[in-house]
Protein backbone atom coordinates (compact mmCIF):
# COMPACT_ATOMS: atom_id res chain seq x y z
CA MET A 1 83.67 87.41 92.05
CA ALA A 2 83.55 84.35 94.33
CA GLN A 3 85.70 81.38 93.34
CA SER A 4 82.69 79.05 93.11
CA ASP A 5 80.95 81.51 90.80
CA THR A 6 84.04 81.70 88.60
CA VAL A 7 84.28 77.91 88.38
CA ASP A 8 80.58 77.61 87.50
CA ARG A 9 80.91 80.27 84.80
CA ILE A 10 83.84 78.44 83.23
CA LEU A 11 82.13 75.05 83.41
CA ASP A 12 78.86 76.40 82.00
CA ALA A 13 80.66 78.04 79.09
CA ALA A 14 82.85 75.01 78.41
CA GLU A 15 79.89 72.62 78.55
CA GLU A 16 77.89 74.62 76.04
CA LEU A 17 80.77 75.24 73.64
CA PHE A 18 82.02 71.66 73.74
CA ALA A 19 78.50 70.44 72.93
CA GLU A 20 78.14 72.93 70.06
CA ARG A 21 81.60 72.77 68.50
CA GLY A 22 83.32 69.65 69.81
CA PHE A 23 86.35 69.36 72.05
CA SER A 24 89.14 69.97 69.56
CA GLU A 25 87.37 72.87 67.86
CA THR A 26 86.78 74.74 71.14
CA SER A 27 89.71 76.79 72.36
CA LEU A 28 90.30 77.99 75.90
CA ARG A 29 90.04 81.56 74.64
CA MET A 30 86.52 80.87 73.34
CA ILE A 31 85.62 79.55 76.76
CA THR A 32 87.11 82.49 78.66
CA SER A 33 85.36 84.94 76.34
CA LYS A 34 81.98 83.31 76.88
CA ALA A 35 82.54 82.93 80.63
CA LYS A 36 83.84 86.51 80.89
CA VAL A 37 86.96 85.44 82.76
CA ASN A 38 90.65 85.58 81.89
CA LEU A 39 92.84 82.68 80.84
CA ALA A 40 94.67 82.75 84.15
CA ALA A 41 91.42 81.82 85.92
CA VAL A 42 91.06 78.67 83.82
CA ASN A 43 94.66 77.68 84.44
CA TYR A 44 94.31 78.37 88.16
CA HIS A 45 91.14 76.34 88.67
CA PHE A 46 91.72 73.52 86.18
CA GLY A 47 95.33 73.55 85.03
CA SER A 48 94.72 72.32 81.49
CA LYS A 49 92.07 71.91 78.82
CA ASN A 50 91.95 68.16 79.40
CA ALA A 51 91.35 68.69 83.11
CA LEU A 52 88.56 71.14 82.24
CA ILE A 53 86.93 68.54 79.99
CA HIS A 54 87.11 66.03 82.85
CA ALA A 55 85.53 68.54 85.23
CA VAL A 56 82.64 69.15 82.83
CA PHE A 57 81.85 65.44 82.82
CA ALA A 58 82.41 65.00 86.55
CA ARG A 59 79.92 67.75 87.39
CA PHE A 60 77.14 65.57 85.99
CA LEU A 61 78.49 62.05 86.37
CA THR A 62 79.61 62.17 90.00
CA PRO A 63 76.16 62.92 91.47
CA PHE A 64 74.50 60.77 88.78
CA SER A 65 76.67 57.78 89.70
CA ALA A 66 75.73 58.14 93.36
CA THR A 67 72.04 58.35 92.45
CA LEU A 68 72.34 55.35 90.13
CA GLU A 69 74.11 53.22 92.73
CA LYS A 70 71.32 54.00 95.20
CA ALA A 71 68.70 53.10 92.56
CA PHE A 72 70.44 49.78 91.88
CA ASP A 73 70.69 49.09 95.62
CA ASP A 74 66.95 49.67 96.02
CA LEU A 75 66.13 47.61 92.93
CA GLU A 76 68.17 44.59 93.98
CA ALA A 77 66.77 44.80 97.51
CA ARG A 78 63.21 44.73 96.13
CA CYS A 79 64.05 41.77 93.91
CA ASP A 80 65.34 39.86 96.97
CA GLY A 81 67.94 37.72 95.24
CA THR A 82 66.12 37.41 91.90
CA PRO A 83 67.89 39.16 89.01
CA PRO A 84 66.02 42.36 88.05
CA THR A 85 64.26 42.30 84.71
CA LEU A 86 65.62 44.25 81.78
CA ASN A 87 62.81 46.79 82.05
CA GLN A 88 63.51 47.33 85.74
CA THR A 89 67.22 47.84 85.10
CA LEU A 90 66.63 50.29 82.26
CA TRP A 91 64.07 52.20 84.31
CA ALA A 92 66.52 52.53 87.20
CA LEU A 93 69.11 54.02 84.84
CA THR A 94 66.69 56.32 82.99
CA GLU A 95 64.91 57.62 86.08
CA SER A 96 68.24 58.35 87.73
CA ALA A 97 69.20 60.51 84.75
CA VAL A 98 65.97 62.44 84.24
CA ARG A 99 65.51 63.09 87.96
CA MET A 100 68.94 64.70 88.30
CA PRO A 101 68.72 68.40 89.25
CA GLN A 102 69.36 70.41 86.10
CA ARG A 103 71.06 73.80 86.00
CA ASN A 104 68.95 74.68 82.96
CA GLU A 105 66.21 73.11 80.86
CA LYS A 106 68.71 71.86 78.26
CA GLY A 107 71.02 70.22 80.79
CA ILE A 108 70.42 66.57 79.96
CA SER A 109 70.36 67.09 76.18
CA ILE A 110 73.67 68.97 76.34
CA PHE A 111 75.25 66.27 78.45
CA MET A 112 74.07 63.49 76.13
CA ARG A 113 75.66 65.34 73.20
CA LEU A 114 78.88 65.52 75.18
CA LEU A 115 78.72 61.83 76.00
CA GLY A 116 78.31 61.02 72.31
CA LEU A 117 81.30 63.21 71.46
CA ALA A 118 83.39 61.36 74.03
CA TYR A 119 83.13 58.26 71.83
CA THR A 120 83.05 59.78 68.36
CA GLN A 121 85.96 62.21 68.75
CA SER A 122 89.54 61.22 69.48
CA GLN A 123 89.66 61.86 73.21
CA GLY A 124 91.63 58.98 74.68
CA HIS A 125 92.32 60.90 77.88
CA LEU A 126 88.59 61.34 78.44
CA ARG A 127 87.71 57.69 77.91
CA LYS A 128 90.51 56.76 80.32
CA PHE A 129 89.18 59.24 82.88
CA LEU A 130 85.64 57.90 82.59
CA GLU A 131 86.82 54.30 82.93
CA GLN A 132 88.91 55.12 86.00
CA GLU A 133 86.35 57.25 87.82
CA TYR A 134 83.04 55.60 86.92
CA SER A 135 83.85 51.97 86.19
CA GLU A 136 81.96 50.71 89.25
CA PRO A 137 78.41 51.86 88.36
CA PHE A 138 79.03 51.11 84.68
CA SER A 139 80.22 47.57 85.46
CA ARG A 140 77.24 47.03 87.73
CA PHE A 141 74.89 48.14 84.94
CA MET A 142 76.61 45.78 82.52
CA ARG A 143 76.26 42.91 85.01
CA LEU A 144 72.54 43.57 85.44
CA LEU A 145 72.08 43.68 81.66
CA LYS A 146 73.89 40.36 81.31
CA GLU A 147 71.78 38.74 84.03
CA ALA A 148 68.60 40.03 82.38
CA THR A 149 69.56 38.71 78.92
CA PRO A 150 71.05 35.22 79.46
CA GLN A 151 69.71 34.12 76.07
CA LEU A 152 72.08 36.44 74.21
CA SER A 153 75.59 35.55 73.15
CA SER A 154 78.36 37.93 74.20
CA VAL A 155 78.63 39.25 70.66
CA ASP A 156 74.88 39.81 70.27
CA ARG A 157 74.72 41.50 73.66
CA TYR A 158 77.64 43.77 72.77
CA TRP A 159 76.02 45.00 69.57
CA ARG A 160 72.58 45.42 71.09
CA ILE A 161 74.05 47.52 73.89
CA GLN A 162 75.77 49.73 71.29
CA PHE A 163 72.49 50.13 69.39
CA MET A 164 70.69 50.90 72.65
CA LEU A 165 73.25 53.52 73.65
CA GLY A 166 73.11 55.06 70.18
CA ALA A 167 69.32 55.35 70.24
CA THR A 168 69.43 56.83 73.73
CA ALA A 169 72.15 59.35 72.89
CA PHE A 170 70.34 60.52 69.75
CA THR A 171 66.93 60.77 71.38
CA MET A 172 67.99 62.50 74.57
CA SER A 173 70.53 64.82 72.94
CA SER A 174 67.88 65.86 70.38
CA SER A 175 65.01 66.00 72.86
CA ASP A 176 64.47 69.76 72.45
CA ALA A 177 64.23 69.52 68.67
CA LEU A 178 62.05 66.39 68.84
CA ARG A 179 59.66 68.07 71.27
CA ASP A 180 59.40 71.10 68.98
CA ILE A 181 58.66 68.88 65.96
CA LEU A 182 55.96 67.02 67.89
CA GLN A 183 54.40 70.30 68.97
CA ASN A 184 54.47 71.78 65.45
CA LYS A 185 53.32 68.64 63.61
CA LEU A 186 50.77 67.18 66.02
CA GLY A 187 50.10 69.96 68.50
CA VAL A 188 51.23 67.76 71.38
CA GLU A 189 53.46 68.92 74.21
CA THR A 190 55.73 66.44 75.95
CA SER A 191 58.42 66.40 78.62
CA VAL A 192 61.81 64.75 78.96
CA GLN A 193 60.26 62.35 81.46
CA GLU A 194 57.59 61.32 78.92
CA ILE A 195 60.24 60.80 76.25
CA ALA A 196 62.14 58.51 78.62
CA ALA A 197 58.92 56.61 79.40
CA ARG A 198 58.47 55.88 75.69
CA LEU A 199 62.14 55.12 75.13
CA VAL A 200 62.61 52.43 77.79
CA PRO A 201 60.09 49.87 76.36
CA PHE A 202 61.60 50.40 72.91
CA LEU A 203 65.12 49.74 74.20
CA ALA A 204 64.01 46.68 76.16
CA ALA A 205 62.23 45.24 73.12
CA GLY A 206 65.32 45.74 70.98
CA MET A 207 67.57 44.08 73.54
CA GLN A 208 65.28 41.05 73.73
CA ALA A 209 64.22 40.79 70.09
CA GLN A 210 64.43 37.41 68.42
CA ASP A 211 67.60 37.03 66.43
CA THR A 212 66.61 36.88 62.77
CA MET A 213 69.87 38.16 61.32
CA LEU A 214 70.58 36.81 57.89
CA ILE A 215 74.29 36.58 57.21
CA PRO A 216 74.95 37.03 53.50
CA PRO A 217 77.05 34.35 51.84
CA PRO A 218 80.63 35.20 50.89
CA SER A 219 80.84 36.96 47.57
CA THR A 220 81.53 34.57 44.72
CA LYS A 221 84.51 35.38 42.61
CA VAL A 222 83.75 35.09 38.94
CA SER A 223 86.66 34.02 36.82
CA VAL A 224 87.17 35.79 33.56
CA ALA A 225 88.01 33.49 30.67
């Protein structure tokens, strides 16, 4: 078996099992069993479970980051010194993701589940890895969002970005199930690209919505006589 084939087998198995079971609940033996390789192969190619987790993310994020940087370059060149609009920025990000070559039809939904797990499970090493390796495109995206929403305070922008990321992670990680529901309920077929096309205007509207938050008054303490 060629080394590249062995590495792909391990990464494919790890990616699927991590998405299904989580990082902590997936053992290296589960991965080797699914990949049909021995434990020595995992240790040889990756060295540790943490390094394998990093490699799973890097397999998608490294080419995605390059594609995204190119999309941002093209966008800013077209805008010729004018800050891109929020819709344009979100489209650049979304199109870069959905146009990535996929190893299988569930590739993007699996990766979005993994990305959600990176923040919901205790994986400090992974967050550190992502910050170190991919801070440049992420920081550029954050800058473009800030330039496109000057009316928002830093706190409002922070929360709206979290809500936006949450909606995106849920929608894209559940895209297979959502497409099946749409087909069964309404008899309509749709694609990942069409889902993204509907998602972007929704996200942009949420980011730019008028602030009507009502802050409840502090609770009044009632004294007991």
